[in-house]
């Protein structure tokens, strides 16, 4: 038996006043962290290094600088304006990293009851020039072969 409830979708005007009860209002830091994670994911999908840690530290440094400056001017820090540290792609620039080298990583598979090492992926190691953070990129071997086979014109 039904209870007689009628569910009507909310209008656009009503949705304007809705509050997210689970997450609440997003702070500027939450918005920045979401943008930072999306940028990190974008670079990871392209198998390129991105210094997530440097970007986060630069943002936190800028927040503390703005808070300190606001305390000097006003005397309190109730609200802090949105802080922008610039384009995040600078933390994924090729000139931002030292290339330390690469190596092939093998995994063992059992074929006809014999353990056989098979190339699983290539590991590229980088070091951030700014603060020395290490970054490792693991590229599946078929992707590595295809990428560098096309670049050089020969099989790796």
Foldseek 3Di string as FASTA:
>chain_A
DDPPDDDDDDDPVVVVPDADPPPGDQDLVNVVVVVLVVVCVVCLVVLFDFCSPVVVVVVVVVVVVQQVVCCVVPVHPPDGDRDDPDDRCVRRDPVQKDWPDKDFDWDWDADPNDTDTDGFWMKTWIFGPPPGDIDIHTGGPVVVQVVVCVVVVHGD
